[in-house]
Amino acid sequence: MSQSHCDTLNSQPSKTELYQAIANEGKTTHQLVQNIKQQLKESLLNVDNGNCFLAFRNNLLLDYLIQLVEYTLLKVDGESIQDHQVINNLLKLRTYIKKTDPVYQKMKYHIEKMISDAESGKLTKNDPLVLKPCPQNLMRKFIHLLISSLQLL
């Protein structure tokens, strides 16, 4: 082998250095996730003005990501995950997320429509969101039917 090839091999980080770098990044990510989790517990991230279902679903997804980070950290550290609580949490959260999918799919069109309307700032005349019951029209029809039935008597 040439001297320059040996120098290149020696300058590359070893496996233990790479594992250590991954572990350090995992710990940093874990700390960031814990900070977000703490902010949610302290209600610093306000979700009061939004849809309760969407806030619930977002919290489920956030919890799922937190558990994935913890799982990854366990794997990087070489710890055993057999019978570990993180696996149970991941399964439970995955089930909850799957259970909310049908409701989310039903709401998806309306959510996207409201977002596009908010971005454009206008609704079309035939927009389904504009169409709603008008009780005054029902009253007029009822009065008209009542008058016509009284005239028949």
N, C-alpha and C. Protein backbone atom coordinates (compact mmCIF):
# COMPACT_ATOMS: atom_id res chain seq x y z
N MET A 1 0.83 -1.18 0.00
CA MET A 1 0.00 0.00 0.00
C MET A 1 0.88 1.24 0.00
N SER A 2 0.37 2.29 -0.60
CA SER A 2 1.14 3.53 -0.64
C SER A 2 1.01 4.26 0.70
N GLN A 3 1.91 5.17 0.95
CA GLN A 3 1.94 5.92 2.20
C GLN A 3 0.70 6.82 2.31
N SER A 4 0.27 7.44 1.19
CA SER A 4 -0.88 8.34 1.23
C SER A 4 -2.16 7.57 1.54
N HIS A 5 -2.30 6.32 1.04
CA HIS A 5 -3.47 5.50 1.34
C HIS A 5 -3.52 5.15 2.82
N CYS A 6 -2.39 4.84 3.41
CA CYS A 6 -2.32 4.53 4.85
C CYS A 6 -2.67 5.76 5.68
N ASP A 7 -2.22 6.93 5.23
CA ASP A 7 -2.54 8.16 5.97
C ASP A 7 -4.04 8.43 5.92
N THR A 8 -4.68 8.16 4.78
CA THR A 8 -6.12 8.34 4.65
C THR A 8 -6.85 7.40 5.59
N LEU A 9 -6.43 6.15 5.65
CA LEU A 9 -7.06 5.19 6.55
C LEU A 9 -6.87 5.59 8.01
N ASN A 10 -5.72 6.09 8.35
CA ASN A 10 -5.46 6.50 9.73
C ASN A 10 -6.20 7.77 10.11
N SER A 11 -6.51 8.64 9.15
CA SER A 11 -7.20 9.89 9.45
C SER A 11 -8.71 9.69 9.59
N GLN A 12 -9.23 8.58 9.11
CA GLN A 12 -10.66 8.31 9.25
C GLN A 12 -10.96 7.91 10.69
N PRO A 13 -12.13 8.33 11.19
CA PRO A 13 -12.46 7.99 12.58
C PRO A 13 -12.70 6.48 12.72
N SER A 14 -12.38 6.00 13.90
CA SER A 14 -12.58 4.57 14.15
C SER A 14 -14.06 4.31 14.44
N LYS A 15 -14.42 3.04 14.51
CA LYS A 15 -15.80 2.66 14.79
C LYS A 15 -16.23 3.17 16.16
N THR A 16 -15.36 3.06 17.14
CA THR A 16 -15.73 3.53 18.48
C THR A 16 -15.94 5.03 18.50
N GLU A 17 -15.15 5.77 17.73
CA GLU A 17 -15.36 7.22 17.66
C GLU A 17 -16.70 7.54 17.00
N LEU A 18 -17.05 6.78 15.95
CA LEU A 18 -18.33 6.98 15.28
C LEU A 18 -19.50 6.65 16.22
N TYR A 19 -19.39 5.53 16.94
CA TYR A 19 -20.43 5.16 17.89
C TYR A 19 -20.56 6.21 18.98
N GLN A 20 -19.44 6.75 19.42
CA GLN A 20 -19.47 7.78 20.45
C GLN A 20 -20.14 9.05 19.93
N ALA A 21 -19.84 9.41 18.68
CA ALA A 21 -20.47 10.59 18.07
C ALA A 21 -21.98 10.39 17.93
N ILE A 22 -22.38 9.19 17.53
CA ILE A 22 -23.81 8.89 17.41
C ILE A 22 -24.47 8.94 18.78
N ALA A 23 -23.82 8.39 19.78
CA ALA A 23 -24.37 8.40 21.13
C ALA A 23 -24.51 9.83 21.64
N ASN A 24 -23.52 10.66 21.38
CA ASN A 24 -23.58 12.06 21.82
C ASN A 24 -24.72 12.81 21.13
N GLU A 25 -24.88 12.58 19.83
CA GLU A 25 -25.98 13.21 19.10
C GLU A 25 -27.33 12.71 19.60
N GLY A 26 -27.38 11.43 19.93
CA GLY A 26 -28.62 10.86 20.47
C GLY A 26 -28.96 11.49 21.81
N LYS A 27 -27.96 11.72 22.65
CA LYS A 27 -28.20 12.35 23.95
C LYS A 27 -28.65 13.80 23.78
N THR A 28 -28.05 14.49 22.81
CA THR A 28 -28.46 15.86 22.54
C THR A 28 -29.91 15.90 22.06
N THR A 29 -30.25 15.01 21.14
CA THR A 29 -31.62 14.94 20.63
C THR A 29 -32.58 14.58 21.75
N HIS A 30 -32.18 13.66 22.60
CA HIS A 30 -33.01 13.26 23.74
C HIS A 30 -33.27 14.46 24.65
N GLN A 31 -32.26 15.27 24.89
CA GLN A 31 -32.43 16.46 25.73
C GLN A 31 -33.38 17.46 25.09
N LEU A 32 -33.26 17.66 23.79
CA LEU A 32 -34.16 18.57 23.09
C LEU A 32 -35.60 18.09 23.18
N VAL A 33 -35.80 16.80 23.00
CA VAL A 33 -37.14 16.23 23.08
C VAL A 33 -37.70 16.38 24.50
N GLN A 34 -36.85 16.18 25.49
CA GLN A 34 -37.29 16.34 26.88
C GLN A 34 -37.69 17.80 27.15
N ASN A 35 -36.97 18.75 26.57
CA ASN A 35 -37.33 20.16 26.72
C ASN A 35 -38.69 20.46 26.12
N ILE A 36 -38.96 19.91 24.94
CA ILE A 36 -40.26 20.09 24.30
C ILE A 36 -41.35 19.45 25.15
N LYS A 37 -41.07 18.28 25.66
CA LYS A 37 -42.04 17.58 26.51
C LYS A 37 -42.34 18.40 27.76
N GLN A 38 -41.32 18.99 28.35
CA GLN A 38 -41.50 19.82 29.54
C GLN A 38 -42.33 21.06 29.22
N GLN A 39 -42.08 21.67 28.06
CA GLN A 39 -42.85 22.84 27.65
C GLN A 39 -44.31 22.48 27.46
N LEU A 40 -44.58 21.31 26.90
CA LEU A 40 -45.97 20.87 26.74
C LEU A 40 -46.65 20.67 28.08
N LYS A 41 -45.91 20.08 29.03
CA LYS A 41 -46.48 19.88 30.36
C LYS A 41 -46.76 21.20 31.06
N GLU A 42 -45.91 22.19 30.84
CA GLU A 42 -46.09 23.50 31.46
C GLU A 42 -47.03 24.38 30.65
N SER A 43 -47.58 23.86 29.57
CA SER A 43 -48.51 24.57 28.68
C SER A 43 -47.91 25.84 28.11
N LEU A 44 -46.62 25.84 27.86
CA LEU A 44 -46.00 26.99 27.20
C LEU A 44 -46.32 27.00 25.72
N LEU A 45 -46.58 25.84 25.16
CA LEU A 45 -47.02 25.74 23.77
C LEU A 45 -48.53 25.72 23.79
N ASN A 46 -49.15 26.84 23.45
CA ASN A 46 -50.59 27.00 23.58
C ASN A 46 -51.31 26.39 22.38
N VAL A 47 -52.21 25.45 22.65
CA VAL A 47 -53.02 24.85 21.59
C VAL A 47 -54.50 25.05 21.87
N ASP A 48 -54.83 26.07 22.67
CA ASP A 48 -56.23 26.31 23.05
C ASP A 48 -57.08 26.83 21.90
N ASN A 49 -56.48 27.53 20.95
CA ASN A 49 -57.26 28.13 19.87
C ASN A 49 -57.49 27.20 18.69
N GLY A 50 -56.96 26.02 18.73
CA GLY A 50 -57.09 25.10 17.62
C GLY A 50 -58.14 24.03 17.86
N ASN A 51 -58.22 23.12 16.94
CA ASN A 51 -59.14 22.00 17.03
C ASN A 51 -58.61 21.01 18.06
N CYS A 52 -59.46 20.59 18.99
CA CYS A 52 -59.04 19.66 20.05
C CYS A 52 -58.53 18.35 19.47
N PHE A 53 -59.20 17.86 18.43
CA PHE A 53 -58.79 16.60 17.83
C PHE A 53 -57.40 16.72 17.21
N LEU A 54 -57.15 17.82 16.51
CA LEU A 54 -55.84 18.01 15.89
C LEU A 54 -54.75 18.17 16.94
N ALA A 55 -55.06 18.87 18.03
CA ALA A 55 -54.08 19.01 19.11
C ALA A 55 -53.79 17.65 19.73
N PHE A 56 -54.83 16.84 19.91
CA PHE A 56 -54.66 15.50 20.46
C PHE A 56 -53.81 14.64 19.54
N ARG A 57 -54.09 14.70 18.24
CA ARG A 57 -53.34 13.90 17.27
C ARG A 57 -51.88 14.36 17.20
N ASN A 58 -51.67 15.66 17.22
CA ASN A 58 -50.30 16.17 17.21
C ASN A 58 -49.53 15.73 18.45
N ASN A 59 -50.19 15.73 19.59
CA ASN A 59 -49.54 15.27 20.82
C ASN A 59 -49.22 13.78 20.75
N LEU A 60 -50.11 13.01 20.14
CA LEU A 60 -49.83 11.58 19.95
C LEU A 60 -48.60 11.38 19.08
N LEU A 61 -48.55 12.12 17.98
CA LEU A 61 -47.41 12.01 17.07
C LEU A 61 -46.11 12.47 17.74
N LEU A 62 -46.19 13.52 18.54
CA LEU A 62 -45.02 13.99 19.25
C LEU A 62 -44.54 12.95 20.27
N ASP A 63 -45.48 12.38 21.01
CA ASP A 63 -45.12 11.33 21.97
C ASP A 63 -44.50 10.13 21.26
N TYR A 64 -45.04 9.79 20.09
CA TYR A 64 -44.49 8.68 19.32
C TYR A 64 -43.05 8.96 18.92
N LEU A 65 -42.80 10.18 18.46
CA LEU A 65 -41.43 10.55 18.08
C LEU A 65 -40.49 10.54 19.28
N ILE A 66 -40.98 10.98 20.43
CA ILE A 66 -40.17 10.95 21.64
C ILE A 66 -39.79 9.51 21.98
N GLN A 67 -40.75 8.61 21.89
CA GLN A 67 -40.47 7.20 22.19
C GLN A 67 -39.51 6.61 21.16
N LEU A 68 -39.62 7.03 19.89
CA LEU A 68 -38.68 6.55 18.87
C LEU A 68 -37.25 7.02 19.18
N VAL A 69 -37.13 8.25 19.66
CA VAL A 69 -35.80 8.76 20.03
C VAL A 69 -35.24 7.95 21.19
N GLU A 70 -36.09 7.66 22.18
CA GLU A 70 -35.63 6.86 23.32
C GLU A 70 -35.24 5.45 22.88
N TYR A 71 -36.01 4.87 21.97
CA TYR A 71 -35.69 3.54 21.43
C TYR A 71 -34.35 3.57 20.72
N THR A 72 -34.15 4.59 19.88
CA THR A 72 -32.89 4.73 19.14
C THR A 72 -31.72 4.90 20.09
N LEU A 73 -31.93 5.68 21.13
CA LEU A 73 -30.88 5.90 22.12
C LEU A 73 -30.52 4.59 22.83
N LEU A 74 -31.52 3.79 23.13
CA LEU A 74 -31.26 2.49 23.76
C LEU A 74 -30.45 1.59 22.81
N LYS A 75 -30.84 1.58 21.54
CA LYS A 75 -30.13 0.75 20.57
C LYS A 75 -28.68 1.22 20.38
N VAL A 76 -28.48 2.53 20.34
CA VAL A 76 -27.13 3.07 20.15
C VAL A 76 -26.25 2.74 21.36
N ASP A 77 -26.84 2.82 22.55
CA ASP A 77 -26.08 2.51 23.77
C ASP A 77 -25.84 1.02 23.93
N GLY A 78 -26.49 0.21 23.11
CA GLY A 78 -26.31 -1.24 23.16
C GLY A 78 -27.10 -1.91 24.27
N GLU A 79 -28.09 -1.22 24.80
CA GLU A 79 -28.90 -1.79 25.87
C GLU A 79 -29.95 -2.73 25.30
N SER A 80 -30.40 -3.64 26.14
CA SER A 80 -31.42 -4.60 25.72
C SER A 80 -32.78 -3.91 25.72
N ILE A 81 -33.56 -4.17 24.68
CA ILE A 81 -34.90 -3.59 24.62
C ILE A 81 -35.98 -4.63 24.89
N GLN A 82 -35.55 -5.84 25.16
CA GLN A 82 -36.51 -6.90 25.44
C GLN A 82 -37.23 -6.57 26.75
N ASP A 83 -38.55 -6.59 26.71
CA ASP A 83 -39.42 -6.28 27.85
C ASP A 83 -39.18 -4.86 28.38
N HIS A 84 -38.74 -3.96 27.53
CA HIS A 84 -38.53 -2.57 27.94
C HIS A 84 -39.83 -1.79 27.75
N GLN A 85 -40.07 -0.82 28.60
CA GLN A 85 -41.31 -0.03 28.57
C GLN A 85 -41.46 0.77 27.27
N VAL A 86 -40.35 1.16 26.65
CA VAL A 86 -40.43 1.95 25.43
C VAL A 86 -41.13 1.18 24.31
N ILE A 87 -40.96 -0.13 24.26
CA ILE A 87 -41.64 -0.95 23.24
C ILE A 87 -43.14 -0.93 23.47
N ASN A 88 -43.56 -1.09 24.72
CA ASN A 88 -44.99 -1.04 25.04
C ASN A 88 -45.58 0.33 24.71
N ASN A 89 -44.82 1.39 25.02
CA ASN A 89 -45.30 2.74 24.71
C ASN A 89 -45.44 2.96 23.21
N LEU A 90 -44.46 2.48 22.45
CA LEU A 90 -44.54 2.61 20.99
C LEU A 90 -45.74 1.88 20.42
N LEU A 91 -45.98 0.68 20.90
CA LEU A 91 -47.14 -0.09 20.42
C LEU A 91 -48.45 0.59 20.79
N LYS A 92 -48.54 1.08 22.01
CA LYS A 92 -49.76 1.75 22.47
C LYS A 92 -50.01 3.02 21.65
N LEU A 93 -48.98 3.83 21.47
CA LEU A 93 -49.14 5.07 20.70
C LEU A 93 -49.47 4.79 19.24
N ARG A 94 -48.83 3.77 18.68
CA ARG A 94 -49.12 3.41 17.28
C ARG A 94 -50.58 3.00 17.12
N THR A 95 -51.10 2.27 18.09
CA THR A 95 -52.51 1.87 18.06
C THR A 95 -53.42 3.08 18.14
N TYR A 96 -53.12 4.02 19.03
CA TYR A 96 -53.93 5.24 19.15
C TYR A 96 -53.90 6.04 17.85
N ILE A 97 -52.73 6.14 17.25
CA ILE A 97 -52.61 6.90 16.00
C ILE A 97 -53.43 6.23 14.90
N LYS A 98 -53.36 4.91 14.82
CA LYS A 98 -54.15 4.18 13.80
C LYS A 98 -55.64 4.33 14.05
N LYS A 99 -56.05 4.40 15.32
CA LYS A 99 -57.47 4.56 15.64
C LYS A 99 -57.98 5.95 15.25
N THR A 100 -57.10 6.95 15.24
CA THR A 100 -57.53 8.30 14.88
C THR A 100 -57.49 8.55 13.38
N ASP A 101 -56.89 7.65 12.61
CA ASP A 101 -56.77 7.85 11.17
C ASP A 101 -58.10 8.03 10.45
N PRO A 102 -59.13 7.21 10.73
CA PRO A 102 -60.39 7.40 10.00
C PRO A 102 -61.01 8.79 10.23
N VAL A 103 -60.95 9.28 11.45
CA VAL A 103 -61.50 10.60 11.75
C VAL A 103 -60.67 11.67 11.03
N TYR A 104 -59.36 11.51 11.08
CA TYR A 104 -58.48 12.48 10.40
C TYR A 104 -58.74 12.48 8.90
N GLN A 105 -58.93 11.32 8.30
CA GLN A 105 -59.19 11.26 6.86
C GLN A 105 -60.50 11.96 6.51
N LYS A 106 -61.50 11.86 7.39
CA LYS A 106 -62.77 12.55 7.14
C LYS A 106 -62.62 14.06 7.26
N MET A 107 -61.74 14.49 8.15
CA MET A 107 -61.53 15.92 8.37
C MET A 107 -60.53 16.52 7.38
N LYS A 108 -59.76 15.69 6.72
CA LYS A 108 -58.64 16.15 5.90
C LYS A 108 -59.08 17.14 4.82
N TYR A 109 -60.16 16.83 4.11
CA TYR A 109 -60.63 17.72 3.05
C TYR A 109 -60.98 19.09 3.61
N HIS A 110 -61.71 19.10 4.71
CA HIS A 110 -62.14 20.37 5.30
C HIS A 110 -60.95 21.17 5.82
N ILE A 111 -59.99 20.49 6.39
CA ILE A 111 -58.80 21.17 6.89
C ILE A 111 -58.03 21.80 5.74
N GLU A 112 -57.80 21.02 4.69
CA GLU A 112 -57.07 21.54 3.53
C GLU A 112 -57.85 22.68 2.86
N LYS A 113 -59.16 22.55 2.81
CA LYS A 113 -59.99 23.59 2.20
C LYS A 113 -59.91 24.88 3.01
N MET A 114 -59.97 24.77 4.33
CA MET A 114 -59.89 25.97 5.17
C MET A 114 -58.51 26.62 5.05
N ILE A 115 -57.48 25.81 4.95
CA ILE A 115 -56.13 26.36 4.80
C ILE A 115 -56.01 27.10 3.47
N SER A 116 -56.50 26.48 2.39
CA SER A 116 -56.41 27.14 1.08
C SER A 116 -57.26 28.40 1.04
N ASP A 117 -58.44 28.38 1.68
CA ASP A 117 -59.27 29.58 1.73
C ASP A 117 -58.62 30.67 2.56
N ALA A 118 -57.96 30.29 3.65
CA ALA A 118 -57.27 31.28 4.47
C ALA A 118 -56.10 31.89 3.72
N GLU A 119 -55.41 31.08 2.92
CA GLU A 119 -54.28 31.60 2.14
C GLU A 119 -54.75 32.50 1.01
N SER A 120 -55.84 32.12 0.33
CA SER A 120 -56.32 32.93 -0.79
C SER A 120 -57.19 34.09 -0.31
N GLY A 121 -57.87 33.93 0.81
CA GLY A 121 -58.68 35.00 1.36
C GLY A 121 -60.07 35.12 0.79
N LYS A 122 -60.51 34.16 -0.01
CA LYS A 122 -61.85 34.26 -0.58
C LYS A 122 -62.48 32.88 -0.76
N LEU A 123 -63.80 32.86 -0.76
CA LEU A 123 -64.57 31.63 -0.99
C LEU A 123 -65.34 31.81 -2.30
N THR A 124 -65.54 30.71 -3.01
CA THR A 124 -66.34 30.75 -4.23
C THR A 124 -67.81 30.63 -3.87
N LYS A 125 -68.67 30.99 -4.80
CA LYS A 125 -70.12 30.97 -4.54
C LYS A 125 -70.62 29.54 -4.32
N ASN A 126 -70.07 28.57 -5.05
CA ASN A 126 -70.53 27.19 -4.95
C ASN A 126 -69.72 26.37 -3.96
N ASP A 127 -68.95 27.02 -3.13
CA ASP A 127 -68.12 26.34 -2.15
C ASP A 127 -69.01 25.64 -1.11
N PRO A 128 -68.77 24.35 -0.84
CA PRO A 128 -69.59 23.65 0.15
C PRO A 128 -69.52 24.27 1.54
N LEU A 129 -68.45 24.98 1.84
CA LEU A 129 -68.35 25.61 3.16
C LEU A 129 -69.28 26.82 3.27
N VAL A 130 -69.69 27.39 2.12
CA VAL A 130 -70.60 28.52 2.12
C VAL A 130 -72.04 28.04 2.27
N LEU A 131 -72.32 26.87 1.76
CA LEU A 131 -73.67 26.33 1.80
C LEU A 131 -74.03 25.90 3.21
N LYS A 132 -75.07 26.53 3.75
CA LYS A 132 -75.54 26.18 5.08
C LYS A 132 -77.04 26.45 5.14
N PRO A 133 -77.72 25.88 6.11
CA PRO A 133 -79.16 26.07 6.16
C PRO A 133 -79.54 27.53 6.43
N CYS A 134 -80.62 27.92 5.85
CA CYS A 134 -81.15 29.28 6.04
C CYS A 134 -82.57 29.15 6.59
N PRO A 135 -82.74 29.23 7.91
CA PRO A 135 -84.05 29.02 8.52
C PRO A 135 -85.12 30.00 8.03
N GLN A 136 -84.72 31.21 7.61
CA GLN A 136 -85.70 32.18 7.12
C GLN A 136 -86.41 31.64 5.88
N ASN A 137 -85.67 30.96 5.01
CA ASN A 137 -86.30 30.38 3.82
C ASN A 137 -87.28 29.28 4.20
N LEU A 138 -86.94 28.49 5.20
CA LEU A 138 -87.87 27.46 5.65
C LEU A 138 -89.13 28.08 6.23
N MET A 139 -88.97 29.16 6.97
CA MET A 139 -90.13 29.83 7.54
C MET A 139 -91.02 30.38 6.45
N ARG A 140 -90.42 30.96 5.42
CA ARG A 140 -91.21 31.50 4.30
C ARG A 140 -92.00 30.40 3.61
N LYS A 141 -91.37 29.26 3.40
CA LYS A 141 -92.06 28.14 2.76
C LYS A 141 -93.19 27.63 3.66
N PHE A 142 -92.94 27.58 4.96
CA PHE A 142 -93.96 27.11 5.90
C PHE A 142 -95.15 28.06 5.90
N ILE A 143 -94.87 29.35 5.92
CA ILE A 143 -95.95 30.34 5.92
C ILE A 143 -96.73 30.27 4.61
N HIS A 144 -96.03 30.12 3.50
CA HIS A 144 -96.69 30.00 2.20
C HIS A 144 -97.58 28.76 2.16
N LEU A 145 -97.07 27.62 2.67
CA LEU A 145 -97.89 26.41 2.72
C LEU A 145 -99.08 26.58 3.64
N LEU A 146 -98.90 27.26 4.75
CA LEU A 146 -99.98 27.48 5.70
C LEU A 146 -101.06 28.35 5.07
N ILE A 147 -100.65 29.40 4.40
CA ILE A 147 -101.62 30.28 3.74
C ILE A 147 -102.36 29.55 2.64
N SER A 148 -101.65 28.78 1.85
CA SER A 148 -102.31 28.06 0.76
C SER A 148 -103.26 26.99 1.31
N SER A 149 -102.90 26.38 2.43
CA SER A 149 -103.81 25.37 3.01
C SER A 149 -105.03 26.03 3.63
N LEU A 150 -104.88 27.23 4.18
CA LEU A 150 -106.02 27.95 4.74
C LEU A 150 -106.97 28.43 3.64
N GLN A 151 -106.43 28.76 2.50
CA GLN A 151 -107.26 29.20 1.39
C GLN A 151 -108.07 28.04 0.84
N LEU A 152 -107.57 26.82 0.96
CA LEU A 152 -108.31 25.66 0.49
C LEU A 152 -109.48 25.37 1.39
N LEU A 153 -109.41 25.76 2.62
CA LEU A 153 -110.51 25.51 3.54
C LEU A 153 -111.60 26.45 3.30
